[in-house]
Amino acid sequence: ANYKISSIAIFNRRDCCSSRLSHFSVSIKDAHHHVSWTKFHSSYPKPAIAFGVPNAVGQFVRVRLQNKNYLSLAEVEVFAQAKKP
């Protein structure tokens, strides 16, 4: 099902490796995996960052590093409402 997503919060690790979560993108994709919204972030969250999402509808949220490193994070929160058919 598709959802009207209003915001996404990314929480970085606090125990170690916090610098691994830098130069990343957050994307929203629909059921057919078409990207409806993307945001790039260059520094690492200290300890968290929230993105307001204007008018994006989707089913999947993807966090992806832009460089070759291990993706290391603590939590991703997605705030949304079910989209009416």
PDB file of N, CA and C in Angstrom:
ATOM      1  N   ALA A   1       0.839  -1.190   0.000  1.00  0.00           N
ATOM      2  CA  ALA A   1       0.000   0.000   0.000  1.00  0.00           C
ATOM      3  C   ALA A   1       0.876   1.244   0.000  1.00  0.00           C
ATOM      4  N   ASN A   2       0.412   2.263  -0.650  1.00  0.00           N
ATOM      5  CA  ASN A   2       1.128   3.534  -0.653  1.00  0.00           C
ATOM      6  C   ASN A   2       0.709   4.385   0.523  1.00  0.00           C
ATOM      7  N   TYR A   3       1.626   5.201   1.014  1.00  0.00           N
ATOM      8  CA  TYR A   3       1.394   6.072   2.160  1.00  0.00           C
ATOM      9  C   TYR A   3       1.820   7.489   1.810  1.00  0.00           C
ATOM     10  N   LYS A   4       1.129   8.455   2.378  1.00  0.00           N
ATOM     11  CA  LYS A   4       1.532   9.853   2.260  1.00  0.00           C
ATOM     12  C   LYS A   4       2.522  10.106   3.393  1.00  0.00           C
ATOM     13  N   ILE A   5       3.785  10.226   3.053  1.00  0.00           N
ATOM     14  CA  ILE A   5       4.851  10.323   4.052  1.00  0.00           C
ATOM     15  C   ILE A   5       5.106  11.791   4.360  1.00  0.00           C
ATOM     16  N   SER A   6       5.119  12.123   5.649  1.00  0.00           N
ATOM     17  CA  SER A   6       5.295  13.520   6.060  1.00  0.00           C
ATOM     18  C   SER A   6       6.705  13.810   6.563  1.00  0.00           C
ATOM     19  N   SER A   7       7.363  12.822   7.167  1.00  0.00           N
ATOM     20  CA  SER A   7       8.731  13.036   7.630  1.00  0.00           C
ATOM     21  C   SER A   7       9.438  11.704   7.865  1.00  0.00           C
ATOM     22  N   ILE A   8      10.771  11.785   7.842  1.00  0.00           N
ATOM     23  CA  ILE A   8      11.620  10.620   8.084  1.00  0.00           C
ATOM     24  C   ILE A   8      12.723  11.054   9.042  1.00  0.00           C
ATOM     25  N   ALA A   9      12.956  10.273  10.083  1.00  0.00           N
ATOM     26  CA  ALA A   9      14.027  10.553  11.045  1.00  0.00           C
ATOM     27  C   ALA A   9      15.051   9.427  10.984  1.00  0.00           C
ATOM     28  N   ILE A  10      16.323   9.815  10.918  1.00  0.00           N
ATOM     29  CA  ILE A  10      17.429   8.859  10.884  1.00  0.00           C
ATOM     30  C   ILE A  10      18.235   9.042  12.166  1.00  0.00           C
ATOM     31  N   PHE A  11      18.440   7.955  12.903  1.00  0.00           N
ATOM     32  CA  PHE A  11      19.194   7.987  14.148  1.00  0.00           C
ATOM     33  C   PHE A  11      20.514   7.252  13.956  1.00  0.00           C
ATOM     34  N   ASN A  12      21.581   7.934  14.259  1.00  0.00           N
ATOM     35  CA  ASN A  12      22.914   7.361  14.128  1.00  0.00           C
ATOM     36  C   ASN A  12      23.271   6.551  15.377  1.00  0.00           C
ATOM     37  N   ARG A  13      24.251   5.673  15.237  1.00  0.00           N
ATOM     38  CA  ARG A  13      24.744   4.916  16.388  1.00  0.00           C
ATOM     39  C   ARG A  13      25.479   5.848  17.332  1.00  0.00           C
ATOM     40  N   ARG A  14      25.416   5.539  18.617  1.00  0.00           N
ATOM     41  CA  ARG A  14      26.128   6.315  19.631  1.00  0.00           C
ATOM     42  C   ARG A  14      27.286   5.540  20.235  1.00  0.00           C
ATOM     43  N   ASP A  15      27.279   4.219  20.067  1.00  0.00           N
ATOM     44  CA  ASP A  15      28.299   3.400  20.718  1.00  0.00           C
ATOM     45  C   ASP A  15      29.623   3.390  19.947  1.00  0.00           C
ATOM     46  N   CYS A  16      29.553   3.407  18.637  1.00  0.00           N
ATOM     47  CA  CYS A  16      30.750   3.437  17.799  1.00  0.00           C
ATOM     48  C   CYS A  16      30.352   3.732  16.365  1.00  0.00           C
ATOM     49  N   CYS A  17      31.330   3.957  15.534  1.00  0.00           N
ATOM     50  CA  CYS A  17      31.135   3.980  14.083  1.00  0.00           C
ATOM     51  C   CYS A  17      30.194   5.069  13.569  1.00  0.00           C
ATOM     52  N   SER A  18      30.008   6.130  14.312  1.00  0.00           N
ATOM     53  CA  SER A  18      29.039   7.149  13.881  1.00  0.00           C
ATOM     54  C   SER A  18      29.445   7.823  12.575  1.00  0.00           C
ATOM     55  N   SER A  19      30.726   7.856  12.278  1.00  0.00           N
ATOM     56  CA  SER A  19      31.178   8.507  11.044  1.00  0.00           C
ATOM     57  C   SER A  19      30.841   7.690   9.796  1.00  0.00           C
ATOM     58  N   ARG A  20      30.455   6.433   9.956  1.00  0.00           N
ATOM     59  CA  ARG A  20      30.080   5.613   8.801  1.00  0.00           C
ATOM     60  C   ARG A  20      28.824   6.138   8.120  1.00  0.00           C
ATOM     61  N   LEU A  21      27.937   6.744   8.885  1.00  0.00           N
ATOM     62  CA  LEU A  21      26.685   7.247   8.317  1.00  0.00           C
ATOM     63  C   LEU A  21      26.884   8.691   7.875  1.00  0.00           C
ATOM     64  N   SER A  22      27.594   8.858   6.777  1.00  0.00           N
ATOM     65  CA  SER A  22      27.765  10.177   6.178  1.00  0.00           C
ATOM     66  C   SER A  22      27.741  10.005   4.665  1.00  0.00           C
ATOM     67  N   HIS A  23      27.440  11.071   3.965  1.00  0.00           N
ATOM     68  CA  HIS A  23      27.291  11.014   2.507  1.00  0.00           C
ATOM     69  C   HIS A  23      26.275   9.943   2.122  1.00  0.00           C
ATOM     70  N   PHE A  24      25.034  10.130   2.590  1.00  0.00           N
ATOM     71  CA  PHE A  24      23.979   9.164   2.331  1.00  0.00           C
ATOM     72  C   PHE A  24      22.776   9.851   1.709  1.00  0.00           C
ATOM     73  N   SER A  25      21.917   9.044   1.136  1.00  0.00           N
ATOM     74  CA  SER A  25      20.655   9.546   0.603  1.00  0.00           C
ATOM     75  C   SER A  25      19.506   8.768   1.221  1.00  0.00           C
ATOM     76  N   VAL A  26      18.370   9.427   1.298  1.00  0.00           N
ATOM     77  CA  VAL A  26      17.128   8.809   1.751  1.00  0.00           C
ATOM     78  C   VAL A  26      16.136   8.975   0.606  1.00  0.00           C
ATOM     79  N   SER A  27      15.535   7.883   0.173  1.00  0.00           N
ATOM     80  CA  SER A  27      14.607   7.922  -0.951  1.00  0.00           C
ATOM     81  C   SER A  27      13.289   7.259  -0.577  1.00  0.00           C
ATOM     82  N   ILE A  28      12.222   7.750  -1.193  1.00  0.00           N
ATOM     83  CA  ILE A  28      10.897   7.134  -1.070  1.00  0.00           C
ATOM     84  C   ILE A  28      10.554   6.570  -2.441  1.00  0.00           C
ATOM     85  N   LYS A  29      10.128   5.295  -2.445  1.00  0.00           N
ATOM     86  CA  LYS A  29       9.768   4.631  -3.695  1.00  0.00           C
ATOM     87  C   LYS A  29       8.342   4.110  -3.610  1.00  0.00           C
ATOM     88  N   ASP A  30       7.655   4.103  -4.757  1.00  0.00           N
ATOM     89  CA  ASP A  30       6.296   3.572  -4.795  1.00  0.00           C
ATOM     90  C   ASP A  30       6.336   2.057  -4.994  1.00  0.00           C
ATOM     91  N   ALA A  31       5.177   1.451  -5.179  1.00  0.00           N
ATOM     92  CA  ALA A  31       5.084   0.000  -5.310  1.00  0.00           C
ATOM     93  C   ALA A  31       5.827  -0.535  -6.523  1.00  0.00           C
ATOM     94  N   HIS A  32       6.052   0.326  -7.530  1.00  0.00           N
ATOM     95  CA  HIS A  32       6.769  -0.082  -8.742  1.00  0.00           C
ATOM     96  C   HIS A  32       8.244   0.311  -8.683  1.00  0.00           C
ATOM     97  N   HIS A  33       8.679   0.749  -7.504  1.00  0.00           N
ATOM     98  CA  HIS A  33      10.062   1.150  -7.229  1.00  0.00           C
ATOM     99  C   HIS A  33      10.494   2.413  -7.982  1.00  0.00           C
ATOM    100  N   HIS A  34       9.522   3.245  -8.358  1.00  0.00           N
ATOM    101  CA  HIS A  34       9.834   4.559  -8.919  1.00  0.00           C
ATOM    102  C   HIS A  34      10.084   5.525  -7.763  1.00  0.00           C
ATOM    103  N   VAL A  35      11.129   6.308  -7.863  1.00  0.00           N
ATOM    104  CA  VAL A  35      11.484   7.243  -6.796  1.00  0.00           C
ATOM    105  C   VAL A  35      10.567   8.463  -6.857  1.00  0.00           C
ATOM    106  N   SER A  36       9.924   8.767  -5.720  1.00  0.00           N
ATOM    107  CA  SER A  36       9.049   9.945  -5.655  1.00  0.00           C
ATOM    108  C   SER A  36       9.688  11.092  -4.878  1.00  0.00           C
ATOM    109  N   TRP A  37      10.762  10.798  -4.121  1.00  0.00           N
ATOM    110  CA  TRP A  37      11.446  11.832  -3.341  1.00  0.00           C
ATOM    111  C   TRP A  37      12.816  11.319  -2.933  1.00  0.00           C
ATOM    112  N   THR A  38      13.826  12.199  -2.974  1.00  0.00           N
ATOM    113  CA  THR A  38      15.169  11.855  -2.522  1.00  0.00           C
ATOM    114  C   THR A  38      15.803  13.058  -1.855  1.00  0.00           C
ATOM    115  N   LYS A  39      16.537  12.809  -0.791  1.00  0.00           N
ATOM    116  CA  LYS A  39      17.283  13.853  -0.086  1.00  0.00           C
ATOM    117  C   LYS A  39      18.685  13.327   0.178  1.00  0.00           C
ATOM    118  N   PHE A  40      19.706  14.156  -0.126  1.00  0.00           N
ATOM    119  CA  PHE A  40      21.095  13.803   0.141  1.00  0.00           C
ATOM    120  C   PHE A  40      21.574  14.552   1.382  1.00  0.00           C
ATOM    121  N   HIS A  41      22.443  13.887   2.144  1.00  0.00           N
ATOM    122  CA  HIS A  41      22.993  14.501   3.354  1.00  0.00           C
ATOM    123  C   HIS A  41      24.481  14.171   3.398  1.00  0.00           C
ATOM    124  N   SER A  42      25.323  15.194   3.585  1.00  0.00           N
ATOM    125  CA  SER A  42      26.765  14.961   3.489  1.00  0.00           C
ATOM    126  C   SER A  42      27.455  14.656   4.816  1.00  0.00           C
ATOM    127  N   SER A  43      26.996  15.226   5.915  1.00  0.00           N
ATOM    128  CA  SER A  43      27.656  14.944   7.197  1.00  0.00           C
ATOM    129  C   SER A  43      26.864  13.879   7.960  1.00  0.00           C
ATOM    130  N   TYR A  44      27.421  13.434   9.062  1.00  0.00           N
ATOM    131  CA  TYR A  44      26.719  12.396   9.811  1.00  0.00           C
ATOM    132  C   TYR A  44      25.805  13.008  10.868  1.00  0.00           C
ATOM    133  N   PRO A  45      24.651  12.363  11.125  1.00  0.00           N
ATOM    134  CA  PRO A  45      23.709  12.855  12.137  1.00  0.00           C
ATOM    135  C   PRO A  45      24.341  12.799  13.528  1.00  0.00           C
ATOM    136  N   LYS A  46      24.110  13.842  14.323  1.00  0.00           N
ATOM    137  CA  LYS A  46      24.715  13.935  15.662  1.00  0.00           C
ATOM    138  C   LYS A  46      23.640  14.113  16.721  1.00  0.00           C
ATOM    139  N   PRO A  47      22.946  13.208  17.231  1.00  0.00           N
ATOM    140  CA  PRO A  47      22.880  11.797  16.860  1.00  0.00           C
ATOM    141  C   PRO A  47      21.758  11.485  15.884  1.00  0.00           C
ATOM    142  N   ALA A  48      20.943  12.502  15.508  1.00  0.00           N
ATOM    143  CA  ALA A  48      19.804  12.212  14.623  1.00  0.00           C
ATOM    144  C   ALA A  48      19.565  13.390  13.692  1.00  0.00           C
ATOM    145  N   ILE A  49      18.807  13.108  12.644  1.00  0.00           N
ATOM    146  CA  ILE A  49      18.387  14.154  11.714  1.00  0.00           C
ATOM    147  C   ILE A  49      16.986  13.799  11.226  1.00  0.00           C
ATOM    148  N   ALA A  50      16.152  14.818  11.059  1.00  0.00           N
ATOM    149  CA  ALA A  50      14.795  14.610  10.554  1.00  0.00           C
ATOM    150  C   ALA A  50      14.639  15.366   9.238  1.00  0.00           C
ATOM    151  N   PHE A  51      13.988  14.726   8.293  1.00  0.00           N
ATOM    152  CA  PHE A  51      13.716  15.322   6.994  1.00  0.00           C
ATOM    153  C   PHE A  51      12.215  15.518   6.849  1.00  0.00           C
ATOM    154  N   GLY A  52      11.782  16.729   6.595  1.00  0.00           N
ATOM    155  CA  GLY A  52      10.389  16.963   6.236  1.00  0.00           C
ATOM    156  C   GLY A  52      10.206  16.545   4.795  1.00  0.00           C
ATOM    157  N   VAL A  53       9.122  15.870   4.506  1.00  0.00           N
ATOM    158  CA  VAL A  53       8.881  15.348   3.162  1.00  0.00           C
ATOM    159  C   VAL A  53       7.641  16.029   2.589  1.00  0.00           C
ATOM    160  N   PRO A  54       7.822  16.866   1.579  1.00  0.00           N
ATOM    161  CA  PRO A  54       6.670  17.561   0.999  1.00  0.00           C
ATOM    162  C   PRO A  54       5.966  16.725  -0.077  1.00  0.00           C
ATOM    163  N   ASN A  55       4.754  16.330   0.188  1.00  0.00           N
ATOM    164  CA  ASN A  55       3.886  15.696  -0.824  1.00  0.00           C
ATOM    165  C   ASN A  55       4.454  14.445  -1.475  1.00  0.00           C
ATOM    166  N   ALA A  56       5.115  13.589  -0.719  1.00  0.00           N
ATOM    167  CA  ALA A  56       5.644  12.344  -1.283  1.00  0.00           C
ATOM    168  C   ALA A  56       4.741  11.180  -0.894  1.00  0.00           C
ATOM    169  N   VAL A  57       4.469  10.337  -1.870  1.00  0.00           N
ATOM    170  CA  VAL A  57       3.661   9.143  -1.644  1.00  0.00           C
ATOM    171  C   VAL A  57       4.518   7.944  -2.025  1.00  0.00           C
ATOM    172  N   GLY A  58       4.526   6.934  -1.164  1.00  0.00           N
ATOM    173  CA  GLY A  58       5.325   5.763  -1.471  1.00  0.00           C
ATOM    174  C   GLY A  58       5.066   4.606  -0.541  1.00  0.00           C
ATOM    175  N   GLN A  59       5.769   3.520  -0.813  1.00  0.00           N
ATOM    176  CA  GLN A  59       5.636   2.293  -0.043  1.00  0.00           C
ATOM    177  C   GLN A  59       6.949   1.889   0.623  1.00  0.00           C
ATOM    178  N   PHE A  60       8.079   2.310   0.053  1.00  0.00           N
ATOM    179  CA  PHE A  60       9.387   1.911   0.555  1.00  0.00           C
ATOM    180  C   PHE A  60      10.236   3.135   0.869  1.00  0.00           C
ATOM    181  N   VAL A  61      11.062   3.011   1.908  1.00  0.00           N
ATOM    182  CA  VAL A  61      12.063   4.037   2.226  1.00  0.00           C
ATOM    183  C   VAL A  61      13.419   3.363   2.160  1.00  0.00           C
ATOM    184  N   ARG A  62      14.332   4.009   1.444  1.00  0.00           N
ATOM    185  CA  ARG A  62      15.670   3.446   1.264  1.00  0.00           C
ATOM    186  C   ARG A  62      16.713   4.426   1.776  1.00  0.00           C
ATOM    187  N   VAL A  63      17.633   3.929   2.603  1.00  0.00           N
ATOM    188  CA  VAL A  63      18.791   4.698   3.055  1.00  0.00           C
ATOM    189  C   VAL A  63      19.996   4.074   2.368  1.00  0.00           C
ATOM    190  N   ARG A  64      20.754   4.916   1.654  1.00  0.00           N
ATOM    191  CA  ARG A  64      21.857   4.387   0.850  1.00  0.00           C
ATOM    192  C   ARG A  64      23.084   5.283   0.972  1.00  0.00           C
ATOM    193  N   LEU A  65      24.228   4.652   1.207  1.00  0.00           N
ATOM    194  CA  LEU A  65      25.483   5.394   1.244  1.00  0.00           C
ATOM    195  C   LEU A  65      25.906   5.760  -0.169  1.00  0.00           C
ATOM    196  N   GLN A  66      26.512   6.928  -0.308  1.00  0.00           N
ATOM    197  CA  GLN A  66      27.009   7.358  -1.607  1.00  0.00           C
ATOM    198  C   GLN A  66      28.461   6.932  -1.828  1.00  0.00           C
ATOM    199  N   ASN A  67      29.100   6.420  -0.789  1.00  0.00           N
ATOM    200  CA  ASN A  67      30.479   5.954  -0.905  1.00  0.00           C
ATOM    201  C   ASN A  67      30.538   4.469  -0.536  1.00  0.00           C
ATOM    202  N   LYS A  68      31.710   3.902  -0.640  1.00  0.00           N
ATOM    203  CA  LYS A  68      31.876   2.482  -0.314  1.00  0.00           C
ATOM    204  C   LYS A  68      32.293   2.359   1.133  1.00  0.00           C
ATOM    205  N   ASN A  69      31.351   2.054   1.970  1.00  0.00           N
ATOM    206  CA  ASN A  69      31.566   1.872   3.402  1.00  0.00           C
ATOM    207  C   ASN A  69      30.435   1.001   3.918  1.00  0.00           C
ATOM    208  N   TYR A  70      30.494   0.628   5.176  1.00  0.00           N
ATOM    209  CA  TYR A  70      29.414  -0.136   5.785  1.00  0.00           C
ATOM    210  C   TYR A  70      28.310   0.816   6.204  1.00  0.00           C
ATOM    211  N   LEU A  71      27.066   0.465   5.889  1.00  0.00           N
ATOM    212  CA  LEU A  71      25.925   1.246   6.370  1.00  0.00           C
ATOM    213  C   LEU A  71      25.692   0.860   7.815  1.00  0.00           C
ATOM    214  N   SER A  72      25.803   1.828   8.686  1.00  0.00           N
ATOM    215  CA  SER A  72      25.686   1.585  10.119  1.00  0.00           C
ATOM    216  C   SER A  72      24.809   2.664  10.710  1.00  0.00           C
ATOM    217  N   LEU A  73      23.637   2.288  11.183  1.00  0.00           N
ATOM    218  CA  LEU A  73      22.722   3.245  11.803  1.00  0.00           C
ATOM    219  C   LEU A  73      21.959   2.566  12.925  1.00  0.00           C
ATOM    220  N   ALA A  74      21.288   3.369  13.741  1.00  0.00           N
ATOM    221  CA  ALA A  74      20.557   2.810  14.875  1.00  0.00           C
ATOM    222  C   ALA A  74      19.082   2.595  14.565  1.00  0.00           C
ATOM    223  N   GLU A  75      18.459   3.587  13.903  1.00  0.00           N
ATOM    224  CA  GLU A  75      17.009   3.516  13.729  1.00  0.00           C
ATOM    225  C   GLU A  75      16.575   4.437  12.601  1.00  0.00           C
ATOM    226  N   VAL A  76      15.491   4.052  11.939  1.00  0.00           N
ATOM    227  CA  VAL A  76      14.828   4.886  10.942  1.00  0.00           C
ATOM    228  C   VAL A  76      13.356   4.941  11.326  1.00  0.00           C
ATOM    229  N   GLU A  77      12.823   6.151  11.464  1.00  0.00           N
ATOM    230  CA  GLU A  77      11.398   6.340  11.760  1.00  0.00           C
ATOM    231  C   GLU A  77      10.732   7.025  10.568  1.00  0.00           C
ATOM    232  N   VAL A  78       9.626   6.468  10.124  1.00  0.00           N
ATOM    233  CA  VAL A  78       8.886   7.031   9.006  1.00  0.00           C
ATOM    234  C   VAL A  78       7.494   7.391   9.515  1.00  0.00           C
ATOM    235  N   PHE A  79       7.104   8.644   9.307  1.00  0.00           N
ATOM    236  CA  PHE A  79       5.815   9.126   9.758  1.00  0.00           C
ATOM    237  C   PHE A  79       4.924   9.344   8.523  1.00  0.00           C
ATOM    238  N   ALA A  80       3.773   8.661   8.517  1.00  0.00           N
ATOM    239  CA  ALA A  80       2.937   8.678   7.314  1.00  0.00           C
ATOM    240  C   ALA A  80       1.481   8.416   7.661  1.00  0.00           C
ATOM    241  N   GLN A  81       0.635   8.666   6.663  1.00  0.00           N
ATOM    242  CA  GLN A  81      -0.782   8.330   6.726  1.00  0.00           C
ATOM    243  C   GLN A  81      -1.097   7.440   5.542  1.00  0.00           C
ATOM    244  N   ALA A  82      -2.033   6.517   5.732  1.00  0.00           N
ATOM    245  CA  ALA A  82      -2.449   5.667   4.609  1.00  0.00           C
ATOM    246  C   ALA A  82      -3.118   6.544   3.562  1.00  0.00           C
ATOM    247  N   LYS A  83      -2.740   6.340   2.322  1.00  0.00           N
ATOM    248  CA  LYS A  83      -3.330   7.111   1.223  1.00  0.00           C
ATOM    249  C   LYS A  83      -4.647   6.453   0.839  1.00  0.00           C
ATOM    250  N   LYS A  84      -5.692   7.252   0.750  1.00  0.00           N
ATOM    251  CA  LYS A  84      -7.016   6.711   0.390  1.00  0.00           C
ATOM    252  C   LYS A  84      -7.032   6.401  -1.092  1.00  0.00           C
ATOM    253  N   PRO A  85      -7.677   5.263  -1.446  1.00  0.00           N
ATOM    254  CA  PRO A  85      -7.725   4.853  -2.870  1.00  0.00           C
ATOM    255  C   PRO A  85      -8.506   5.826  -3.730  1.00  0.00           C
TER     256      PRO A  85
END
